[in-house]
Each structure stands twice: as structure tokens, then as C-alpha cells.
Amino acid sequence: MSLSGTAIAVRIENQLVRFIPPSPIDQQAVISQVGGQETSGVVIKVLDNPRATLVIDREGRITVHGTHRVEAARAAAKELMLRLGLNDSGLETELGPVVASFDFGQPLDVQQLVGNFGAGTASFDERLGCSVLADTRHNLTIHVWPNGRCIVPDARQQNIVAMAAVYWRNKLKEQNIFI
């Protein structure tokens, strides 16, 4: 096992980004001009290049899924606007949650987490086969699998996830939860 203070590599799997154009995007224009699909009050358009899924809501805002960098999400929103014949200047950006992952690099007994950290902090998800840590210190939820792989579905930024990863690795090591 690596030293307790050593950083853990964190990978951003998805960055949710919403763009607000100066003039709302017309959902019907997305359907008729670029082949968007309407479902449950939003219009969805999947782009191949850049690879992303765009969701246009009733207010004409563009939410981009499936990218891991803000620049890629912006390129996808601009591509949609250009295909619609709209000017892409003045596009405001709102950052949403980040889905991140990391690996402890060692297997662990995930069911022991519940016993060692209590039901308020850790629970076992039978359906997923992992333990779920409610990390109030870093304001995160961490899904931990027996192989040491972890997913954080609700992070605000990569650095917070990296700090949480080191913190929890140290806690798990102290409790002898690594196998």
C-alpha cells in the first residue's frame, strides 16, 4: 500500500454543465432542424462530434451530459447553436455536479465499513454490491466496491474528491479494512 499522505488519482467521468443562451433555444427548432427528440417536456439531441447528449429544457437552456471537461461541453452547446443558425456569443455557463472515480488500489471488506463507521456514515447497497459512505466532512457520497474502486456521483470538484480519497484511505487503513 502507498504511503498515507500520497495522492490518489481521481478521474472525472462526467461534468454536468448547463448553458444559458442570451435568447432561449426553441425546442421545436431543435426537433425540426437538427432531429432532436421530445420526451417529458425536454428535447434531447445526441451529438457524435463532439460526443455529448444535449437536453434543451422548456426555458431554452442547454444541459450537456457525457463530457468530462467544460470545454468539451461548451463545444457541444456551440455546435447545436451553430446548426440552428444562432450566434453562440454571450453563452452563460453553470457548473453542475461532477461524477468522479478513483481506486484505492487494494481490495477491501466493504460490509465491514458499516460495522466500523455506523449506519449514519456507511450502508451496504445490496443491489449494487457496494458500501455507500456519507462523507459529511467533504460533502460527498462515495460508493466503494470490494475491488477498491470508488465512484463519487455528486462531487463539486476534482480536488475535493482527491482529498476525500486520501482521508478515507487513511481511515480504512486504521480500521484494517483493506484485505
N, C-alpha and C. Protein backbone atom coordinates (compact mmCIF):
# COMPACT_ATOMS: atom_id res chain seq x y z
N MET A 1 0.85 -1.17 0.00
CA MET A 1 0.00 0.00 0.00
C MET A 1 0.89 1.24 0.00
N SER A 2 0.40 2.28 -0.65
CA SER A 2 1.18 3.51 -0.71
C SER A 2 1.13 4.25 0.62
N LEU A 3 1.99 5.22 0.76
CA LEU A 3 2.05 6.00 1.99
C LEU A 3 0.75 6.74 2.23
N SER A 4 0.45 6.99 3.49
CA SER A 4 -0.85 7.58 3.85
C SER A 4 -1.07 8.98 3.27
N GLY A 5 -0.04 9.75 3.07
CA GLY A 5 -0.22 11.10 2.54
C GLY A 5 -0.18 11.19 1.03
N THR A 6 0.12 10.08 0.35
CA THR A 6 0.26 10.08 -1.10
C THR A 6 -1.09 10.31 -1.76
N ALA A 7 -1.08 11.12 -2.79
CA ALA A 7 -2.31 11.44 -3.51
C ALA A 7 -2.85 10.21 -4.23
N ILE A 8 -4.15 10.24 -4.48
CA ILE A 8 -4.83 9.19 -5.24
C ILE A 8 -5.33 9.84 -6.53
N ALA A 9 -5.09 9.18 -7.65
CA ALA A 9 -5.52 9.72 -8.94
C ALA A 9 -7.05 9.69 -9.02
N VAL A 10 -7.63 10.83 -9.32
CA VAL A 10 -9.08 10.97 -9.47
C VAL A 10 -9.38 11.26 -10.92
N ARG A 11 -10.36 10.54 -11.45
CA ARG A 11 -10.76 10.73 -12.84
C ARG A 11 -12.17 11.32 -12.89
N ILE A 12 -12.34 12.37 -13.67
CA ILE A 12 -13.67 12.94 -13.88
C ILE A 12 -14.33 12.13 -14.98
N GLU A 13 -15.44 11.49 -14.66
CA GLU A 13 -16.17 10.66 -15.61
C GLU A 13 -17.19 11.49 -16.39
N ASN A 14 -17.78 12.45 -15.71
CA ASN A 14 -18.82 13.27 -16.33
C ASN A 14 -18.91 14.59 -15.58
N GLN A 15 -18.98 15.68 -16.32
CA GLN A 15 -19.18 17.01 -15.74
C GLN A 15 -20.50 17.53 -16.30
N LEU A 16 -21.46 17.74 -15.44
CA LEU A 16 -22.75 18.27 -15.87
C LEU A 16 -22.63 19.78 -16.00
N VAL A 17 -22.97 20.30 -17.17
CA VAL A 17 -22.84 21.73 -17.42
C VAL A 17 -24.12 22.22 -18.10
N ARG A 18 -24.61 23.36 -17.64
CA ARG A 18 -25.78 23.96 -18.28
C ARG A 18 -25.37 25.31 -18.86
N PHE A 19 -25.84 25.56 -20.07
CA PHE A 19 -25.56 26.82 -20.75
C PHE A 19 -26.85 27.58 -20.95
N ILE A 20 -26.76 28.87 -20.69
CA ILE A 20 -27.92 29.74 -20.86
C ILE A 20 -27.60 30.72 -21.98
N PRO A 21 -28.26 30.53 -23.12
CA PRO A 21 -28.02 31.45 -24.24
C PRO A 21 -28.71 32.78 -23.99
N PRO A 22 -28.25 33.86 -24.66
CA PRO A 22 -28.88 35.18 -24.49
C PRO A 22 -30.37 35.15 -24.86
N SER A 23 -30.73 34.36 -25.87
CA SER A 23 -32.13 34.14 -26.25
C SER A 23 -32.40 32.66 -26.12
N PRO A 24 -33.52 32.28 -25.48
CA PRO A 24 -33.81 30.86 -25.28
C PRO A 24 -33.82 30.07 -26.59
N ILE A 25 -33.34 28.83 -26.52
CA ILE A 25 -33.37 27.92 -27.66
C ILE A 25 -34.81 27.44 -27.84
N ASP A 26 -35.29 27.46 -29.07
CA ASP A 26 -36.63 26.98 -29.39
C ASP A 26 -36.60 25.46 -29.52
N GLN A 27 -37.32 24.78 -28.63
CA GLN A 27 -37.34 23.31 -28.65
C GLN A 27 -37.82 22.77 -29.99
N GLN A 28 -38.84 23.40 -30.57
CA GLN A 28 -39.37 22.91 -31.85
C GLN A 28 -38.34 23.04 -32.97
N ALA A 29 -37.52 24.08 -32.91
CA ALA A 29 -36.46 24.26 -33.92
C ALA A 29 -35.44 23.13 -33.80
N VAL A 30 -35.14 22.71 -32.58
CA VAL A 30 -34.19 21.61 -32.37
C VAL A 30 -34.77 20.32 -32.96
N ILE A 31 -36.07 20.13 -32.79
CA ILE A 31 -36.72 18.93 -33.34
C ILE A 31 -36.71 18.96 -34.86
N SER A 32 -37.17 20.07 -35.44
CA SER A 32 -37.33 20.14 -36.90
C SER A 32 -36.02 20.34 -37.66
N GLN A 33 -35.07 21.08 -37.10
CA GLN A 33 -33.85 21.40 -37.84
C GLN A 33 -32.69 20.44 -37.62
N VAL A 34 -32.59 19.87 -36.42
CA VAL A 34 -31.43 19.02 -36.14
C VAL A 34 -31.81 17.63 -35.63
N GLY A 35 -33.10 17.30 -35.65
CA GLY A 35 -33.52 15.94 -35.31
C GLY A 35 -33.57 15.62 -33.84
N GLY A 36 -33.83 16.62 -33.01
CA GLY A 36 -33.98 16.36 -31.58
C GLY A 36 -35.23 15.54 -31.30
N GLN A 37 -35.26 14.86 -30.17
CA GLN A 37 -36.39 14.03 -29.77
C GLN A 37 -37.03 14.61 -28.52
N GLU A 38 -38.35 14.80 -28.56
CA GLU A 38 -39.05 15.34 -27.40
C GLU A 38 -39.44 14.21 -26.46
N THR A 39 -39.21 14.43 -25.17
CA THR A 39 -39.61 13.47 -24.16
C THR A 39 -39.77 14.18 -22.82
N SER A 40 -40.91 14.00 -22.19
CA SER A 40 -41.18 14.55 -20.84
C SER A 40 -40.89 16.04 -20.72
N GLY A 41 -41.23 16.81 -21.72
CA GLY A 41 -41.09 18.26 -21.64
C GLY A 41 -39.72 18.81 -22.00
N VAL A 42 -38.78 17.94 -22.35
CA VAL A 42 -37.46 18.39 -22.79
C VAL A 42 -37.20 17.82 -24.18
N VAL A 43 -36.22 18.40 -24.86
CA VAL A 43 -35.81 17.89 -26.17
C VAL A 43 -34.37 17.41 -26.02
N ILE A 44 -34.13 16.20 -26.51
CA ILE A 44 -32.81 15.59 -26.40
C ILE A 44 -32.18 15.47 -27.78
N LYS A 45 -30.93 15.87 -27.87
CA LYS A 45 -30.16 15.74 -29.11
C LYS A 45 -28.81 15.13 -28.77
N VAL A 46 -28.52 13.99 -29.40
CA VAL A 46 -27.23 13.33 -29.20
C VAL A 46 -26.31 13.77 -30.32
N LEU A 47 -25.13 14.26 -29.95
CA LEU A 47 -24.11 14.65 -30.93
C LEU A 47 -23.01 13.59 -30.96
N ASP A 48 -22.50 13.35 -32.18
CA ASP A 48 -21.37 12.43 -32.33
C ASP A 48 -20.04 13.14 -32.20
N ASN A 49 -20.00 14.41 -32.66
CA ASN A 49 -18.76 15.17 -32.63
C ASN A 49 -19.04 16.62 -32.30
N PRO A 50 -18.75 17.10 -31.12
CA PRO A 50 -18.19 16.36 -30.01
C PRO A 50 -19.24 15.40 -29.42
N ARG A 51 -18.77 14.31 -28.86
CA ARG A 51 -19.66 13.29 -28.31
C ARG A 51 -20.30 13.83 -27.03
N ALA A 52 -21.62 14.01 -27.07
CA ALA A 52 -22.34 14.55 -25.92
C ALA A 52 -23.84 14.38 -26.14
N THR A 53 -24.57 14.41 -25.04
CA THR A 53 -26.03 14.42 -25.09
C THR A 53 -26.48 15.78 -24.58
N LEU A 54 -27.29 16.45 -25.40
CA LEU A 54 -27.79 17.78 -25.05
C LEU A 54 -29.25 17.68 -24.67
N VAL A 55 -29.62 18.36 -23.60
CA VAL A 55 -31.01 18.41 -23.16
C VAL A 55 -31.42 19.88 -23.17
N ILE A 56 -32.45 20.19 -23.97
CA ILE A 56 -32.95 21.55 -24.05
C ILE A 56 -34.24 21.59 -23.25
N ASP A 57 -34.26 22.39 -22.18
CA ASP A 57 -35.44 22.44 -21.32
C ASP A 57 -36.45 23.47 -21.82
N ARG A 58 -37.56 23.57 -21.13
CA ARG A 58 -38.65 24.49 -21.54
C ARG A 58 -38.22 25.95 -21.53
N GLU A 59 -37.23 26.28 -20.71
CA GLU A 59 -36.73 27.67 -20.64
C GLU A 59 -35.71 27.95 -21.73
N GLY A 60 -35.41 26.97 -22.58
CA GLY A 60 -34.48 27.16 -23.68
C GLY A 60 -33.02 27.08 -23.29
N ARG A 61 -32.75 26.47 -22.15
CA ARG A 61 -31.37 26.29 -21.69
C ARG A 61 -30.86 24.95 -22.20
N ILE A 62 -29.54 24.82 -22.32
CA ILE A 62 -28.91 23.60 -22.83
C ILE A 62 -28.11 22.96 -21.69
N THR A 63 -28.49 21.74 -21.33
CA THR A 63 -27.71 20.98 -20.35
C THR A 63 -26.95 19.91 -21.12
N VAL A 64 -25.66 19.82 -20.86
CA VAL A 64 -24.80 18.88 -21.58
C VAL A 64 -24.39 17.75 -20.64
N HIS A 65 -24.64 16.51 -21.09
CA HIS A 65 -24.26 15.30 -20.38
C HIS A 65 -23.22 14.56 -21.20
N GLY A 66 -22.39 13.78 -20.53
CA GLY A 66 -21.49 12.88 -21.23
C GLY A 66 -20.13 13.45 -21.56
N THR A 67 -19.80 14.59 -21.00
CA THR A 67 -18.46 15.13 -21.20
C THR A 67 -17.74 15.15 -19.85
N HIS A 68 -16.45 15.23 -19.89
CA HIS A 68 -15.70 15.31 -18.64
C HIS A 68 -14.91 16.61 -18.53
N ARG A 69 -15.06 17.47 -19.51
CA ARG A 69 -14.40 18.79 -19.45
C ARG A 69 -15.41 19.86 -19.87
N VAL A 70 -15.33 21.00 -19.22
CA VAL A 70 -16.23 22.11 -19.52
C VAL A 70 -16.04 22.56 -20.97
N GLU A 71 -14.79 22.54 -21.46
CA GLU A 71 -14.51 22.98 -22.83
C GLU A 71 -15.24 22.09 -23.84
N ALA A 72 -15.29 20.79 -23.58
CA ALA A 72 -15.99 19.87 -24.48
C ALA A 72 -17.50 20.12 -24.44
N ALA A 73 -18.02 20.39 -23.26
CA ALA A 73 -19.45 20.70 -23.12
C ALA A 73 -19.79 21.99 -23.87
N ARG A 74 -18.93 23.00 -23.74
CA ARG A 74 -19.16 24.27 -24.44
C ARG A 74 -19.12 24.05 -25.96
N ALA A 75 -18.19 23.23 -26.43
CA ALA A 75 -18.11 22.94 -27.87
C ALA A 75 -19.40 22.29 -28.35
N ALA A 76 -19.97 21.40 -27.53
CA ALA A 76 -21.22 20.73 -27.90
C ALA A 76 -22.37 21.74 -27.96
N ALA A 77 -22.46 22.63 -26.98
CA ALA A 77 -23.53 23.64 -26.98
C ALA A 77 -23.37 24.58 -28.17
N LYS A 78 -22.15 24.98 -28.48
CA LYS A 78 -21.90 25.84 -29.63
C LYS A 78 -22.28 25.15 -30.93
N GLU A 79 -21.96 23.87 -31.04
CA GLU A 79 -22.30 23.09 -32.23
C GLU A 79 -23.81 23.11 -32.46
N LEU A 80 -24.58 22.90 -31.41
CA LEU A 80 -26.03 22.94 -31.53
C LEU A 80 -26.49 24.31 -32.00
N MET A 81 -25.99 25.35 -31.38
CA MET A 81 -26.41 26.70 -31.74
C MET A 81 -26.05 27.03 -33.19
N LEU A 82 -24.86 26.64 -33.61
CA LEU A 82 -24.46 26.90 -34.99
C LEU A 82 -25.33 26.13 -35.98
N ARG A 83 -25.67 24.88 -35.66
CA ARG A 83 -26.56 24.10 -36.52
C ARG A 83 -27.94 24.74 -36.63
N LEU A 84 -28.33 25.46 -35.58
CA LEU A 84 -29.63 26.15 -35.58
C LEU A 84 -29.52 27.54 -36.22
N GLY A 85 -28.31 27.92 -36.62
CA GLY A 85 -28.10 29.24 -37.23
C GLY A 85 -28.09 30.37 -36.21
N LEU A 86 -27.77 30.04 -34.95
CA LEU A 86 -27.75 31.04 -33.88
C LEU A 86 -26.32 31.45 -33.55
N ASN A 87 -26.18 32.67 -33.09
CA ASN A 87 -24.89 33.18 -32.64
C ASN A 87 -24.60 32.57 -31.27
N ASP A 88 -23.40 32.07 -31.09
CA ASP A 88 -23.05 31.43 -29.82
C ASP A 88 -22.39 32.38 -28.82
N SER A 89 -22.32 33.65 -29.12
CA SER A 89 -21.72 34.59 -28.17
C SER A 89 -22.70 34.90 -27.05
N GLY A 90 -22.17 35.19 -25.89
CA GLY A 90 -23.00 35.52 -24.74
C GLY A 90 -23.56 34.32 -24.01
N LEU A 91 -23.03 33.14 -24.28
CA LEU A 91 -23.48 31.91 -23.65
C LEU A 91 -22.97 31.87 -22.20
N GLU A 92 -23.89 31.85 -21.23
CA GLU A 92 -23.51 31.78 -19.81
C GLU A 92 -23.37 30.32 -19.40
N THR A 93 -22.43 30.05 -18.48
CA THR A 93 -22.14 28.69 -18.05
C THR A 93 -22.50 28.50 -16.58
N GLU A 94 -23.20 27.40 -16.28
CA GLU A 94 -23.47 26.99 -14.90
C GLU A 94 -22.92 25.58 -14.73
N LEU A 95 -22.06 25.40 -13.73
CA LEU A 95 -21.48 24.08 -13.49
C LEU A 95 -22.36 23.29 -12.54
N GLY A 96 -22.62 22.06 -12.89
CA GLY A 96 -23.37 21.15 -12.04
C GLY A 96 -22.44 20.16 -11.39
N PRO A 97 -22.99 19.09 -10.85
CA PRO A 97 -22.15 18.11 -10.18
C PRO A 97 -21.23 17.34 -11.13
N VAL A 98 -20.19 16.81 -10.55
CA VAL A 98 -19.19 16.02 -11.25
C VAL A 98 -19.35 14.57 -10.81
N VAL A 99 -19.27 13.64 -11.75
CA VAL A 99 -19.16 12.23 -11.42
C VAL A 99 -17.68 11.89 -11.54
N ALA A 100 -17.11 11.41 -10.44
CA ALA A 100 -15.68 11.12 -10.41
C ALA A 100 -15.45 9.69 -9.94
N SER A 101 -14.26 9.17 -10.24
CA SER A 101 -13.90 7.84 -9.77
C SER A 101 -12.44 7.84 -9.32
N PHE A 102 -12.15 6.88 -8.47
CA PHE A 102 -10.77 6.66 -8.05
C PHE A 102 -10.66 5.21 -7.58
N ASP A 103 -9.44 4.78 -7.33
CA ASP A 103 -9.21 3.40 -6.93
C ASP A 103 -8.24 3.39 -5.76
N PHE A 104 -8.60 2.68 -4.69
CA PHE A 104 -7.70 2.55 -3.55
C PHE A 104 -6.51 1.67 -3.89
N GLY A 105 -6.61 0.86 -4.95
CA GLY A 105 -5.51 0.01 -5.36
C GLY A 105 -5.38 -1.26 -4.55
N GLN A 106 -6.37 -1.54 -3.73
CA GLN A 106 -6.35 -2.73 -2.89
C GLN A 106 -7.79 -3.15 -2.62
N PRO A 107 -8.06 -4.46 -2.56
CA PRO A 107 -9.41 -4.90 -2.20
C PRO A 107 -9.69 -4.63 -0.73
N LEU A 108 -10.97 -4.56 -0.39
CA LEU A 108 -11.36 -4.31 0.99
C LEU A 108 -12.69 -4.99 1.29
N ASP A 109 -12.96 -5.14 2.57
CA ASP A 109 -14.20 -5.75 3.03
C ASP A 109 -15.24 -4.64 3.18
N VAL A 110 -16.05 -4.45 2.13
CA VAL A 110 -16.98 -3.32 2.12
C VAL A 110 -18.09 -3.47 3.16
N GLN A 111 -18.45 -4.69 3.52
CA GLN A 111 -19.50 -4.86 4.53
C GLN A 111 -18.99 -4.48 5.91
N GLN A 112 -17.71 -4.55 6.12
CA GLN A 112 -17.11 -4.16 7.40
C GLN A 112 -17.19 -2.64 7.61
N LEU A 113 -17.33 -1.89 6.51
CA LEU A 113 -17.46 -0.43 6.63
C LEU A 113 -18.65 -0.05 7.50
N VAL A 114 -19.77 -0.73 7.30
CA VAL A 114 -20.99 -0.42 8.06
C VAL A 114 -20.74 -0.67 9.54
N GLY A 115 -20.10 -1.79 9.87
CA GLY A 115 -19.83 -2.10 11.27
C GLY A 115 -18.85 -1.14 11.92
N ASN A 116 -17.88 -0.69 11.17
CA ASN A 116 -16.85 0.18 11.74
C ASN A 116 -17.23 1.66 11.77
N PHE A 117 -18.07 2.10 10.84
CA PHE A 117 -18.37 3.53 10.76
C PHE A 117 -19.82 3.85 11.06
N GLY A 118 -20.65 2.85 11.30
CA GLY A 118 -22.03 3.09 11.71
C GLY A 118 -22.98 3.36 10.57
N ALA A 119 -24.25 3.13 10.85
CA ALA A 119 -25.30 3.26 9.83
C ALA A 119 -25.45 4.69 9.33
N GLY A 120 -25.13 5.67 10.11
CA GLY A 120 -25.25 7.06 9.66
C GLY A 120 -24.19 7.46 8.65
N THR A 121 -23.05 6.77 8.69
CA THR A 121 -21.95 7.08 7.79
C THR A 121 -21.85 6.10 6.64
N ALA A 122 -22.08 4.82 6.93
CA ALA A 122 -21.92 3.79 5.90
C ALA A 122 -23.13 2.87 5.86
N SER A 123 -23.49 2.48 4.65
CA SER A 123 -24.56 1.49 4.46
C SER A 123 -24.14 0.57 3.33
N PHE A 124 -24.73 -0.61 3.30
CA PHE A 124 -24.42 -1.55 2.23
C PHE A 124 -25.58 -1.56 1.25
N ASP A 125 -25.27 -1.39 -0.03
CA ASP A 125 -26.28 -1.41 -1.08
C ASP A 125 -26.25 -2.80 -1.72
N GLU A 126 -27.23 -3.62 -1.37
CA GLU A 126 -27.31 -5.00 -1.89
C GLU A 126 -27.40 -5.02 -3.41
N ARG A 127 -28.19 -4.11 -3.96
CA ARG A 127 -28.41 -4.07 -5.40
C ARG A 127 -27.12 -3.82 -6.17
N LEU A 128 -26.29 -2.89 -5.68
CA LEU A 128 -25.04 -2.55 -6.36
C LEU A 128 -23.86 -3.38 -5.90
N GLY A 129 -23.99 -4.02 -4.72
CA GLY A 129 -22.88 -4.81 -4.19
C GLY A 129 -21.73 -3.97 -3.69
N CYS A 130 -22.06 -2.80 -3.15
CA CYS A 130 -21.03 -1.90 -2.64
C CYS A 130 -21.50 -1.23 -1.36
N SER A 131 -20.56 -0.66 -0.65
CA SER A 131 -20.91 0.16 0.51
C SER A 131 -20.99 1.61 0.06
N VAL A 132 -21.84 2.36 0.72
CA VAL A 132 -22.03 3.77 0.40
C VAL A 132 -21.65 4.58 1.64
N LEU A 133 -20.65 5.43 1.47
CA LEU A 133 -20.18 6.29 2.55
C LEU A 133 -20.81 7.68 2.41
N ALA A 134 -21.44 8.15 3.47
CA ALA A 134 -21.95 9.52 3.51
C ALA A 134 -20.85 10.36 4.15
N ASP A 135 -20.05 10.99 3.33
CA ASP A 135 -18.89 11.76 3.79
C ASP A 135 -19.32 13.20 4.06
N THR A 136 -19.68 13.49 5.32
CA THR A 136 -20.13 14.84 5.67
C THR A 136 -18.95 15.81 5.75
N ARG A 137 -17.77 15.29 6.00
CA ARG A 137 -16.57 16.14 6.06
C ARG A 137 -16.31 16.83 4.72
N HIS A 138 -16.49 16.08 3.61
CA HIS A 138 -16.23 16.60 2.27
C HIS A 138 -17.51 16.85 1.48
N ASN A 139 -18.65 16.58 2.11
CA ASN A 139 -19.97 16.77 1.49
C ASN A 139 -20.10 15.93 0.20
N LEU A 140 -19.78 14.64 0.32
CA LEU A 140 -19.80 13.71 -0.81
C LEU A 140 -20.49 12.41 -0.42
N THR A 141 -20.89 11.68 -1.42
CA THR A 141 -21.32 10.29 -1.26
C THR A 141 -20.33 9.45 -2.06
N ILE A 142 -19.76 8.44 -1.41
CA ILE A 142 -18.75 7.60 -2.06
C ILE A 142 -19.25 6.16 -2.08
N HIS A 143 -19.34 5.60 -3.29
CA HIS A 143 -19.69 4.20 -3.47
C HIS A 143 -18.38 3.42 -3.54
N VAL A 144 -18.22 2.43 -2.64
CA VAL A 144 -16.97 1.68 -2.54
C VAL A 144 -17.24 0.20 -2.84
N TRP A 145 -16.55 -0.34 -3.86
CA TRP A 145 -16.69 -1.74 -4.24
C TRP A 145 -15.58 -2.58 -3.61
N PRO A 146 -15.79 -3.90 -3.48
CA PRO A 146 -14.79 -4.77 -2.87
C PRO A 146 -13.41 -4.74 -3.54
N ASN A 147 -13.35 -4.43 -4.82
CA ASN A 147 -12.05 -4.40 -5.51
C ASN A 147 -11.28 -3.10 -5.27
N GLY A 148 -11.85 -2.18 -4.47
CA GLY A 148 -11.18 -0.91 -4.16
C GLY A 148 -11.58 0.23 -5.06
N ARG A 149 -12.39 -0.04 -6.07
CA ARG A 149 -12.86 1.01 -7.00
C ARG A 149 -13.95 1.82 -6.32
N CYS A 150 -13.92 3.14 -6.52
CA CYS A 150 -14.89 4.04 -5.89
C CYS A 150 -15.47 5.00 -6.93
N ILE A 151 -16.74 5.30 -6.76
CA ILE A 151 -17.43 6.26 -7.62
C ILE A 151 -18.06 7.32 -6.71
N VAL A 152 -17.89 8.58 -7.09
CA VAL A 152 -18.48 9.70 -6.38
C VAL A 152 -19.44 10.38 -7.35
N PRO A 153 -20.76 10.20 -7.16
CA PRO A 153 -21.71 10.71 -8.14
C PRO A 153 -22.11 12.18 -7.97
N ASP A 154 -21.69 12.82 -6.90
CA ASP A 154 -22.22 14.15 -6.60
C ASP A 154 -21.17 15.16 -6.18
N ALA A 155 -20.00 15.09 -6.77
CA ALA A 155 -18.90 15.97 -6.36
C ALA A 155 -19.05 17.36 -6.96
N ARG A 156 -18.42 18.32 -6.33
CA ARG A 156 -18.39 19.68 -6.87
C ARG A 156 -17.11 19.94 -7.66
N GLN A 157 -16.02 19.28 -7.24
CA GLN A 157 -14.77 19.44 -7.97
C GLN A 157 -13.81 18.30 -7.67
N GLN A 158 -12.89 18.10 -8.57
CA GLN A 158 -11.93 17.01 -8.52
C GLN A 158 -11.06 17.05 -7.26
N ASN A 159 -10.62 18.23 -6.85
CA ASN A 159 -9.72 18.34 -5.70
C ASN A 159 -10.38 17.88 -4.40
N ILE A 160 -11.67 18.14 -4.24
CA ILE A 160 -12.38 17.69 -3.05
C ILE A 160 -12.43 16.16 -3.02
N VAL A 161 -12.68 15.56 -4.18
CA VAL A 161 -12.71 14.09 -4.28
C VAL A 161 -11.33 13.53 -3.92
N ALA A 162 -10.27 14.15 -4.40
CA ALA A 162 -8.91 13.69 -4.11
C ALA A 162 -8.62 13.77 -2.60
N MET A 163 -9.04 14.84 -1.95
CA MET A 163 -8.84 14.96 -0.50
C MET A 163 -9.64 13.89 0.24
N ALA A 164 -10.88 13.66 -0.20
CA ALA A 164 -11.72 12.64 0.43
C ALA A 164 -11.11 11.25 0.25
N ALA A 165 -10.56 10.98 -0.93
CA ALA A 165 -9.96 9.67 -1.21
C ALA A 165 -8.80 9.39 -0.25
N VAL A 166 -7.93 10.37 -0.05
CA VAL A 166 -6.80 10.19 0.87
C VAL A 166 -7.30 10.05 2.30
N TYR A 167 -8.27 10.87 2.69
CA TYR A 167 -8.84 10.80 4.03
C TYR A 167 -9.40 9.41 4.31
N TRP A 168 -10.23 8.89 3.39
CA TRP A 168 -10.87 7.59 3.60
C TRP A 168 -9.86 6.44 3.50
N ARG A 169 -8.88 6.56 2.63
CA ARG A 169 -7.85 5.51 2.57
C ARG A 169 -7.17 5.39 3.94
N ASN A 170 -6.86 6.53 4.56
CA ASN A 170 -6.22 6.51 5.88
C ASN A 170 -7.14 5.91 6.94
N LYS A 171 -8.41 6.28 6.91
CA LYS A 171 -9.39 5.74 7.87
C LYS A 171 -9.54 4.23 7.71
N LEU A 172 -9.63 3.78 6.46
CA LEU A 172 -9.80 2.35 6.19
C LEU A 172 -8.56 1.56 6.59
N LYS A 173 -7.41 2.16 6.40
CA LYS A 173 -6.16 1.52 6.80
C LYS A 173 -6.10 1.40 8.33
N GLU A 174 -6.50 2.48 9.05
CA GLU A 174 -6.51 2.46 10.51
C GLU A 174 -7.43 1.36 11.05
N GLN A 175 -8.55 1.14 10.36
CA GLN A 175 -9.54 0.16 10.80
C GLN A 175 -9.25 -1.25 10.27
N ASN A 176 -8.14 -1.43 9.53
CA ASN A 176 -7.77 -2.73 8.96
C ASN A 176 -8.85 -3.32 8.06
N ILE A 177 -9.42 -2.48 7.23
CA ILE A 177 -10.50 -2.92 6.34
C ILE A 177 -9.93 -3.39 4.99
N PHE A 178 -8.72 -2.99 4.65
CA PHE A 178 -8.11 -3.49 3.42
C PHE A 178 -7.73 -4.95 3.62
N ILE A 179 -7.89 -5.72 2.55
CA ILE A 179 -7.60 -7.17 2.60
C ILE A 179 -6.18 -7.41 2.10
